[in-house]
């Protein structure tokens, strides 16, 4: 999937992101750049949480996204908004190992930023050990075996050298 098909019929944001990706060459084709990372949104493909993680790793050596700041979460929300998505997407968070102790699977680090939706992360969900971002940008815990879209994150490659 290329940037044009992802952005077809969408806003100026996609045109700008497409130009940045093409000019800077910092992200693989079909990925959106932000900060030091590149993001792939699987808008037409669903997988359970484990399969999604394997896909991200095989696809340019990435991981399910680990959101570390409000800015990064807002970026993801904006892309979902401009994609006009009403779906939830897998992220790389889990409390599978210790109930209520949410970590990023890619680093095994405890989450320092969260944006839980109201009524989620309340510990009352049965086996809801994996993390999704909803269309509105808020997070929810979900059963890991549910098939869902997902977001992959890979490190951005170095941009072109500027001389002068």
N, C-alpha and C. Protein backbone atom coordinates (compact mmCIF):
# COMPACT_ATOMS: atom_id res chain seq x y z
N UNK A 1 0.85 -1.16 0.00
CA UNK A 1 0.00 0.00 0.00
C UNK A 1 0.90 1.23 0.00
N UNK A 2 0.65 2.18 -0.90
CA UNK A 2 1.47 3.37 -0.92
C UNK A 2 0.74 4.54 -0.27
N UNK A 3 1.48 5.63 -0.05
CA UNK A 3 0.94 6.80 0.63
C UNK A 3 -0.27 7.36 -0.12
N UNK A 4 -0.25 7.30 -1.46
CA UNK A 4 -1.34 7.85 -2.24
C UNK A 4 -2.64 7.09 -1.96
N UNK A 5 -2.59 5.76 -1.92
CA UNK A 5 -3.82 5.00 -1.66
C UNK A 5 -4.34 5.22 -0.25
N UNK A 6 -3.42 5.40 0.72
CA UNK A 6 -3.84 5.67 2.09
C UNK A 6 -4.53 7.03 2.16
N UNK A 7 -3.98 7.99 1.43
CA UNK A 7 -4.45 9.37 1.54
C UNK A 7 -5.52 9.73 0.52
N UNK A 8 -5.84 8.86 -0.39
CA UNK A 8 -6.79 9.17 -1.44
C UNK A 8 -8.05 9.80 -0.88
N UNK A 9 -8.35 11.00 -1.36
CA UNK A 9 -9.56 11.68 -0.95
C UNK A 9 -9.51 12.29 0.43
N UNK A 10 -8.35 12.34 1.07
CA UNK A 10 -8.27 12.89 2.41
C UNK A 10 -7.76 14.32 2.38
N UNK A 11 -7.42 14.83 3.52
CA UNK A 11 -7.11 16.23 3.70
C UNK A 11 -5.71 16.64 3.29
N UNK A 12 -5.46 17.91 3.47
CA UNK A 12 -4.16 18.51 3.20
C UNK A 12 -3.07 17.87 4.04
N UNK A 13 -3.40 17.38 5.24
CA UNK A 13 -2.40 16.73 6.09
C UNK A 13 -1.74 15.58 5.36
N UNK A 14 -2.50 14.77 4.67
CA UNK A 14 -1.93 13.63 3.95
C UNK A 14 -1.04 14.09 2.81
N UNK A 15 -1.42 15.15 2.15
CA UNK A 15 -0.58 15.68 1.07
C UNK A 15 0.76 16.13 1.64
N UNK A 16 0.71 16.83 2.76
CA UNK A 16 1.95 17.28 3.41
C UNK A 16 2.78 16.09 3.86
N UNK A 17 2.15 15.12 4.52
CA UNK A 17 2.89 13.94 4.99
C UNK A 17 3.49 13.17 3.82
N UNK A 18 2.77 13.08 2.72
CA UNK A 18 3.28 12.40 1.54
C UNK A 18 4.50 13.11 1.00
N UNK A 19 4.44 14.44 0.94
CA UNK A 19 5.58 15.22 0.45
C UNK A 19 6.78 15.07 1.37
N UNK A 20 6.55 15.12 2.68
CA UNK A 20 7.65 14.97 3.63
C UNK A 20 8.29 13.60 3.47
N UNK A 21 7.49 12.57 3.36
CA UNK A 21 8.02 11.21 3.21
C UNK A 21 8.83 11.09 1.93
N UNK A 22 8.33 11.65 0.84
CA UNK A 22 9.01 11.55 -0.44
C UNK A 22 10.30 12.36 -0.45
N UNK A 23 10.24 13.60 0.04
CA UNK A 23 11.39 14.48 0.00
C UNK A 23 12.47 14.03 0.97
N UNK A 24 12.13 13.76 2.21
CA UNK A 24 13.13 13.42 3.21
C UNK A 24 13.58 11.97 3.10
N UNK A 25 12.72 11.09 2.63
CA UNK A 25 13.07 9.69 2.51
C UNK A 25 13.36 9.02 3.84
N UNK A 26 12.76 9.53 4.93
CA UNK A 26 13.07 9.00 6.26
C UNK A 26 12.21 7.80 6.65
N UNK A 27 11.14 7.55 5.93
CA UNK A 27 10.23 6.46 6.29
C UNK A 27 10.01 5.54 5.09
N UNK A 28 9.76 4.26 5.37
CA UNK A 28 9.41 3.35 4.27
C UNK A 28 8.11 3.80 3.61
N UNK A 29 7.93 3.41 2.37
CA UNK A 29 6.71 3.76 1.65
C UNK A 29 5.49 3.25 2.40
N UNK A 30 4.47 4.10 2.50
CA UNK A 30 3.24 3.72 3.19
C UNK A 30 3.23 4.05 4.67
N UNK A 31 4.34 4.59 5.19
CA UNK A 31 4.44 4.96 6.60
C UNK A 31 4.30 6.47 6.75
N UNK A 32 3.79 6.91 7.89
CA UNK A 32 3.67 8.32 8.22
C UNK A 32 4.79 8.71 9.18
N UNK A 33 5.53 9.80 8.90
CA UNK A 33 6.61 10.21 9.79
C UNK A 33 6.12 11.08 10.94
N UNK A 34 6.74 10.91 12.11
CA UNK A 34 6.49 11.79 13.25
C UNK A 34 7.67 11.64 14.20
N UNK A 35 8.34 12.74 14.49
CA UNK A 35 9.49 12.69 15.38
C UNK A 35 10.56 11.75 14.83
N UNK A 36 11.03 10.85 15.66
CA UNK A 36 12.09 9.90 15.28
C UNK A 36 11.53 8.56 14.81
N UNK A 37 10.22 8.50 14.54
CA UNK A 37 9.59 7.23 14.18
C UNK A 37 8.75 7.36 12.92
N UNK A 38 8.42 6.20 12.37
CA UNK A 38 7.53 6.08 11.22
C UNK A 38 6.41 5.11 11.60
N UNK A 39 5.20 5.38 11.15
CA UNK A 39 4.02 4.63 11.59
C UNK A 39 3.26 4.08 10.39
N UNK A 40 2.87 2.81 10.49
CA UNK A 40 2.06 2.16 9.47
C UNK A 40 0.71 1.80 10.10
N UNK A 41 -0.37 2.23 9.46
CA UNK A 41 -1.73 1.95 9.93
C UNK A 41 -2.32 0.85 9.04
N UNK A 42 -2.65 -0.28 9.62
CA UNK A 42 -3.19 -1.42 8.85
C UNK A 42 -4.69 -1.26 8.66
N UNK A 43 -5.08 -0.25 7.93
CA UNK A 43 -6.51 0.06 7.82
C UNK A 43 -7.31 -1.00 7.07
N UNK A 44 -6.65 -1.82 6.25
CA UNK A 44 -7.40 -2.83 5.50
C UNK A 44 -7.04 -4.26 5.92
N UNK A 45 -6.31 -4.40 7.00
CA UNK A 45 -5.87 -5.73 7.45
C UNK A 45 -6.13 -5.86 8.95
N UNK A 46 -6.67 -6.99 9.36
CA UNK A 46 -6.91 -7.26 10.77
C UNK A 46 -6.13 -8.48 11.23
N UNK A 47 -5.76 -8.47 12.50
CA UNK A 47 -5.03 -9.59 13.10
C UNK A 47 -5.29 -9.57 14.60
N UNK A 48 -5.04 -10.70 15.26
CA UNK A 48 -5.08 -10.64 16.72
C UNK A 48 -3.79 -9.95 17.18
N UNK A 49 -3.67 -9.68 18.48
CA UNK A 49 -2.56 -8.87 18.99
C UNK A 49 -1.20 -9.52 18.70
N UNK A 50 -1.10 -10.83 18.90
CA UNK A 50 0.16 -11.55 18.65
C UNK A 50 0.52 -11.50 17.17
N UNK A 51 -0.44 -11.82 16.30
CA UNK A 51 -0.19 -11.79 14.85
C UNK A 51 0.20 -10.39 14.40
N UNK A 52 -0.44 -9.37 14.95
CA UNK A 52 -0.12 -8.00 14.58
C UNK A 52 1.33 -7.67 14.93
N UNK A 53 1.77 -8.10 16.11
CA UNK A 53 3.15 -7.88 16.51
C UNK A 53 4.14 -8.57 15.59
N UNK A 54 3.83 -9.82 15.20
CA UNK A 54 4.69 -10.55 14.27
C UNK A 54 4.74 -9.84 12.92
N UNK A 55 3.58 -9.36 12.45
CA UNK A 55 3.54 -8.65 11.18
C UNK A 55 4.44 -7.42 11.23
N UNK A 56 4.31 -6.63 12.29
CA UNK A 56 5.13 -5.41 12.41
C UNK A 56 6.61 -5.75 12.40
N UNK A 57 6.99 -6.82 13.08
CA UNK A 57 8.40 -7.21 13.13
C UNK A 57 8.90 -7.66 11.77
N UNK A 58 8.10 -8.41 11.04
CA UNK A 58 8.50 -8.86 9.70
C UNK A 58 8.47 -7.72 8.70
N UNK A 59 7.64 -6.75 8.95
CA UNK A 59 7.44 -5.63 8.03
C UNK A 59 8.36 -4.49 8.45
N UNK A 60 9.57 -4.47 7.93
CA UNK A 60 10.57 -3.43 8.21
C UNK A 60 11.10 -3.48 9.64
N UNK A 61 11.02 -4.61 10.32
CA UNK A 61 11.63 -4.76 11.64
C UNK A 61 11.03 -3.92 12.73
N UNK A 62 9.75 -3.60 12.63
CA UNK A 62 9.11 -2.73 13.61
C UNK A 62 8.44 -3.49 14.74
N UNK A 63 7.69 -2.74 15.52
CA UNK A 63 6.92 -3.26 16.64
C UNK A 63 5.54 -2.61 16.61
N UNK A 64 4.60 -3.18 17.35
CA UNK A 64 3.35 -2.46 17.58
C UNK A 64 3.71 -1.16 18.28
N UNK A 65 3.00 -0.10 17.96
CA UNK A 65 3.35 1.23 18.45
C UNK A 65 3.38 1.30 19.98
N UNK A 66 4.39 2.01 20.49
CA UNK A 66 4.51 2.31 21.92
C UNK A 66 4.43 3.83 22.05
N UNK A 67 3.33 4.32 22.58
CA UNK A 67 3.08 5.77 22.67
C UNK A 67 3.68 6.31 23.96
N UNK A 68 4.61 7.24 23.82
CA UNK A 68 5.35 7.73 24.98
C UNK A 68 5.07 9.18 25.34
N UNK A 69 4.16 9.84 24.59
CA UNK A 69 3.87 11.25 24.90
C UNK A 69 2.49 11.64 24.38
N UNK A 70 1.99 12.74 24.91
CA UNK A 70 0.73 13.30 24.43
C UNK A 70 0.85 13.67 22.95
N UNK A 71 1.99 14.24 22.57
CA UNK A 71 2.22 14.64 21.19
C UNK A 71 2.11 13.45 20.24
N UNK A 72 2.72 12.34 20.61
CA UNK A 72 2.67 11.14 19.78
C UNK A 72 1.24 10.60 19.71
N UNK A 73 0.54 10.58 20.83
CA UNK A 73 -0.85 10.11 20.84
C UNK A 73 -1.73 11.01 19.98
N UNK A 74 -1.53 12.31 20.07
CA UNK A 74 -2.31 13.25 19.27
C UNK A 74 -2.05 13.04 17.78
N UNK A 75 -0.80 12.78 17.43
CA UNK A 75 -0.45 12.49 16.03
C UNK A 75 -1.23 11.27 15.53
N UNK A 76 -1.24 10.19 16.32
CA UNK A 76 -1.97 8.98 15.93
C UNK A 76 -3.45 9.28 15.77
N UNK A 77 -4.01 10.03 16.72
CA UNK A 77 -5.43 10.40 16.64
C UNK A 77 -5.70 11.19 15.35
N UNK A 78 -4.82 12.14 15.02
CA UNK A 78 -5.04 12.95 13.82
C UNK A 78 -5.04 12.09 12.56
N UNK A 79 -4.13 11.13 12.50
CA UNK A 79 -4.11 10.24 11.33
C UNK A 79 -5.41 9.42 11.28
N UNK A 80 -5.83 8.86 12.41
CA UNK A 80 -7.09 8.10 12.44
C UNK A 80 -8.26 8.99 12.03
N UNK A 81 -8.26 10.22 12.50
CA UNK A 81 -9.33 11.17 12.17
C UNK A 81 -9.37 11.44 10.67
N UNK A 82 -8.21 11.72 10.09
CA UNK A 82 -8.17 12.03 8.66
C UNK A 82 -8.40 10.80 7.79
N UNK A 83 -8.15 9.62 8.33
CA UNK A 83 -8.48 8.38 7.62
C UNK A 83 -9.98 8.11 7.70
N UNK A 84 -10.66 8.88 8.53
CA UNK A 84 -12.09 8.70 8.79
C UNK A 84 -12.38 7.29 9.32
N UNK A 85 -11.47 6.82 10.15
CA UNK A 85 -11.62 5.49 10.71
C UNK A 85 -12.54 5.52 11.93
N UNK A 86 -13.39 4.52 12.02
CA UNK A 86 -14.23 4.37 13.21
C UNK A 86 -13.83 3.09 13.96
N UNK A 87 -12.66 2.56 13.62
CA UNK A 87 -12.20 1.30 14.19
C UNK A 87 -11.20 1.53 15.31
N UNK A 88 -10.96 0.48 16.09
CA UNK A 88 -9.88 0.49 17.08
C UNK A 88 -8.68 -0.22 16.49
N UNK A 89 -7.48 0.22 16.87
CA UNK A 89 -6.23 -0.32 16.35
C UNK A 89 -5.38 -0.84 17.50
N UNK A 90 -4.77 -2.02 17.31
CA UNK A 90 -3.85 -2.55 18.31
C UNK A 90 -2.64 -1.65 18.47
N UNK A 91 -2.21 -1.53 19.73
CA UNK A 91 -0.96 -0.87 20.10
C UNK A 91 -0.12 -1.91 20.85
N UNK A 92 1.09 -1.56 21.22
CA UNK A 92 2.00 -2.52 21.82
C UNK A 92 1.93 -2.66 23.32
N UNK A 93 0.86 -2.22 23.95
CA UNK A 93 0.73 -2.31 25.40
C UNK A 93 0.06 -3.59 25.85
N UNK A 94 0.49 -4.09 27.02
CA UNK A 94 -0.13 -5.29 27.59
C UNK A 94 0.03 -5.31 29.11
N UNK A 95 -0.93 -5.96 29.77
CA UNK A 95 -0.78 -6.27 31.20
C UNK A 95 -0.92 -7.78 31.39
N UNK A 96 -0.55 -8.52 30.35
CA UNK A 96 -0.64 -9.99 30.34
C UNK A 96 0.17 -10.63 31.46
N UNK A 97 1.31 -10.05 31.80
CA UNK A 97 2.22 -10.65 32.78
C UNK A 97 1.79 -10.39 34.21
N UNK A 98 1.37 -9.14 34.49
CA UNK A 98 0.89 -8.77 35.83
C UNK A 98 -0.35 -7.90 35.62
N UNK A 99 -1.51 -8.39 36.04
CA UNK A 99 -2.77 -7.67 35.85
C UNK A 99 -2.67 -6.27 36.44
N UNK A 100 -3.01 -5.27 35.60
CA UNK A 100 -3.00 -3.88 36.04
C UNK A 100 -1.66 -3.19 35.89
N UNK A 101 -0.61 -3.93 35.55
CA UNK A 101 0.74 -3.37 35.35
C UNK A 101 1.00 -3.33 33.84
N UNK A 102 0.68 -2.18 33.24
CA UNK A 102 0.76 -2.05 31.78
C UNK A 102 2.17 -1.70 31.35
N UNK A 103 2.66 -2.46 30.36
CA UNK A 103 4.00 -2.25 29.82
C UNK A 103 3.93 -2.18 28.29
N UNK A 104 4.99 -1.67 27.70
CA UNK A 104 5.16 -1.73 26.25
C UNK A 104 5.94 -3.00 25.95
N UNK A 105 5.38 -3.88 25.13
CA UNK A 105 5.99 -5.17 24.86
C UNK A 105 7.34 -5.04 24.15
N UNK A 106 7.53 -3.98 23.38
CA UNK A 106 8.78 -3.81 22.62
C UNK A 106 9.97 -3.54 23.53
N UNK A 107 9.73 -2.92 24.68
CA UNK A 107 10.84 -2.56 25.59
C UNK A 107 10.71 -3.19 26.96
N UNK A 108 9.52 -3.71 27.26
CA UNK A 108 9.17 -4.24 28.59
C UNK A 108 9.14 -3.12 29.64
N UNK A 109 9.13 -1.86 29.20
CA UNK A 109 9.08 -0.71 30.12
C UNK A 109 7.64 -0.42 30.53
N UNK A 110 7.48 0.02 31.78
CA UNK A 110 6.17 0.45 32.27
C UNK A 110 5.74 1.70 31.49
N UNK A 111 4.46 1.80 31.22
CA UNK A 111 3.94 2.97 30.52
C UNK A 111 4.07 4.20 31.42
N UNK A 112 4.61 5.27 30.87
CA UNK A 112 4.71 6.52 31.62
C UNK A 112 3.67 7.53 31.14
N UNK A 113 3.12 7.32 29.95
CA UNK A 113 2.03 8.14 29.43
C UNK A 113 0.88 7.21 29.12
N UNK A 114 -0.34 7.61 29.48
CA UNK A 114 -1.54 6.84 29.13
C UNK A 114 -2.66 7.80 28.77
N UNK A 115 -3.64 7.31 28.04
CA UNK A 115 -4.81 8.10 27.68
C UNK A 115 -6.04 7.19 27.63
N UNK A 116 -6.35 6.60 28.79
CA UNK A 116 -7.45 5.65 28.88
C UNK A 116 -8.79 6.32 28.65
N UNK A 117 -9.65 5.66 27.89
CA UNK A 117 -11.02 6.09 27.74
C UNK A 117 -11.79 5.80 29.02
N UNK A 118 -12.86 6.55 29.25
CA UNK A 118 -13.66 6.35 30.46
C UNK A 118 -14.26 4.95 30.47
N UNK A 119 -14.12 4.27 31.60
CA UNK A 119 -14.65 2.93 31.75
C UNK A 119 -13.70 1.83 31.33
N UNK A 120 -12.56 2.21 30.78
CA UNK A 120 -11.56 1.21 30.40
C UNK A 120 -10.44 1.22 31.42
N UNK A 121 -9.64 0.18 31.42
CA UNK A 121 -8.53 0.03 32.37
C UNK A 121 -9.05 0.03 33.80
N UNK A 122 -10.23 -0.53 33.98
CA UNK A 122 -10.80 -0.56 35.33
C UNK A 122 -10.58 -1.90 36.03
N UNK A 123 -9.91 -2.82 35.35
CA UNK A 123 -9.62 -4.11 35.96
C UNK A 123 -10.80 -5.06 36.01
N UNK A 124 -11.94 -4.64 35.46
CA UNK A 124 -13.13 -5.49 35.52
C UNK A 124 -13.32 -6.33 34.26
N UNK A 125 -12.53 -6.06 33.23
CA UNK A 125 -12.67 -6.82 32.00
C UNK A 125 -12.02 -8.18 32.11
N UNK A 126 -12.71 -9.18 31.66
CA UNK A 126 -12.19 -10.54 31.72
C UNK A 126 -11.18 -10.76 30.61
N UNK A 127 -9.94 -10.97 30.98
CA UNK A 127 -8.87 -11.27 30.03
C UNK A 127 -8.64 -10.15 29.02
N UNK A 128 -8.89 -8.91 29.40
CA UNK A 128 -8.62 -7.78 28.51
C UNK A 128 -7.20 -7.29 28.81
N UNK A 129 -6.23 -7.96 28.19
CA UNK A 129 -4.83 -7.75 28.52
C UNK A 129 -4.03 -7.04 27.44
N UNK A 130 -4.68 -6.61 26.37
CA UNK A 130 -3.97 -5.95 25.28
C UNK A 130 -4.59 -4.58 25.00
N UNK A 131 -3.80 -3.70 24.42
CA UNK A 131 -4.17 -2.29 24.31
C UNK A 131 -4.57 -1.90 22.89
N UNK A 132 -5.65 -1.12 22.81
CA UNK A 132 -6.10 -0.55 21.54
C UNK A 132 -6.26 0.95 21.69
N UNK A 133 -6.06 1.66 20.57
CA UNK A 133 -6.43 3.07 20.50
C UNK A 133 -7.72 3.13 19.70
N UNK A 134 -8.69 3.87 20.23
CA UNK A 134 -9.98 4.01 19.57
C UNK A 134 -9.92 5.16 18.56
N UNK A 135 -10.91 5.25 17.71
CA UNK A 135 -10.96 6.29 16.68
C UNK A 135 -10.83 7.69 17.27
N UNK A 136 -11.34 7.90 18.48
CA UNK A 136 -11.27 9.21 19.12
C UNK A 136 -9.95 9.48 19.82
N UNK A 137 -9.00 8.55 19.74
CA UNK A 137 -7.69 8.76 20.33
C UNK A 137 -7.53 8.23 21.74
N UNK A 138 -8.62 7.81 22.37
CA UNK A 138 -8.53 7.28 23.74
C UNK A 138 -8.21 5.80 23.69
N UNK A 139 -7.67 5.28 24.78
CA UNK A 139 -7.22 3.89 24.83
C UNK A 139 -8.23 3.00 25.52
N UNK A 140 -8.19 1.72 25.16
CA UNK A 140 -9.02 0.73 25.85
C UNK A 140 -8.28 -0.59 25.92
N UNK A 141 -8.58 -1.35 26.97
CA UNK A 141 -8.05 -2.71 27.07
C UNK A 141 -9.01 -3.63 26.35
N UNK A 142 -8.47 -4.66 25.72
CA UNK A 142 -9.29 -5.57 24.92
C UNK A 142 -8.73 -6.99 25.02
N UNK A 143 -9.55 -7.94 24.68
CA UNK A 143 -9.13 -9.34 24.64
C UNK A 143 -8.14 -9.50 23.48
N UNK A 144 -6.98 -10.06 23.77
CA UNK A 144 -5.88 -10.13 22.80
C UNK A 144 -6.20 -10.96 21.56
N UNK A 145 -7.15 -11.87 21.65
CA UNK A 145 -7.46 -12.75 20.52
C UNK A 145 -8.43 -12.12 19.52
N UNK A 146 -8.95 -10.93 19.83
CA UNK A 146 -9.86 -10.23 18.92
C UNK A 146 -9.06 -9.78 17.69
N UNK A 147 -9.65 -9.94 16.52
CA UNK A 147 -9.00 -9.47 15.30
C UNK A 147 -9.31 -7.99 15.13
N UNK A 148 -8.26 -7.21 14.90
CA UNK A 148 -8.40 -5.76 14.82
C UNK A 148 -7.34 -5.21 13.88
N UNK A 149 -7.53 -3.97 13.47
CA UNK A 149 -6.47 -3.26 12.75
C UNK A 149 -5.34 -2.99 13.74
N UNK A 150 -4.20 -2.52 13.27
CA UNK A 150 -3.07 -2.29 14.16
C UNK A 150 -2.17 -1.20 13.61
N UNK A 151 -1.29 -0.69 14.47
CA UNK A 151 -0.33 0.36 14.09
C UNK A 151 1.07 -0.15 14.40
N UNK A 152 1.92 -0.15 13.36
CA UNK A 152 3.33 -0.52 13.52
C UNK A 152 4.18 0.75 13.63
N UNK A 153 5.27 0.65 14.38
CA UNK A 153 6.22 1.75 14.53
C UNK A 153 7.62 1.24 14.23
N UNK A 154 8.35 1.99 13.40
CA UNK A 154 9.75 1.70 13.12
C UNK A 154 10.55 2.98 13.31
N UNK A 155 11.83 2.87 13.66
CA UNK A 155 12.66 4.08 13.77
C UNK A 155 12.81 4.73 12.40
N UNK A 156 12.79 6.06 12.38
CA UNK A 156 13.01 6.78 11.13
C UNK A 156 14.47 6.64 10.73
N UNK A 157 14.70 6.56 9.44
CA UNK A 157 16.05 6.51 8.92
C UNK A 157 16.59 7.93 8.86
N UNK A 158 17.90 8.09 8.83
CA UNK A 158 18.49 9.43 8.74
C UNK A 158 18.08 10.11 7.46
N UNK A 159 17.78 11.39 7.56
CA UNK A 159 17.40 12.18 6.39
C UNK A 159 18.62 12.53 5.56
N UNK A 160 18.42 13.20 4.44
CA UNK A 160 19.54 13.57 3.58
C UNK A 160 20.44 14.59 4.27
N UNK A 161 21.74 14.51 3.98
CA UNK A 161 22.68 15.49 4.51
C UNK A 161 22.45 16.82 3.81
N UNK A 162 22.47 17.89 4.59
CA UNK A 162 22.31 19.23 4.02
C UNK A 162 23.67 19.91 4.07
N UNK A 163 24.15 20.32 2.91
CA UNK A 163 25.47 20.96 2.81
C UNK A 163 25.26 22.44 2.60
N UNK A 164 26.07 23.23 3.31
CA UNK A 164 26.01 24.67 3.09
C UNK A 164 25.34 25.29 4.20
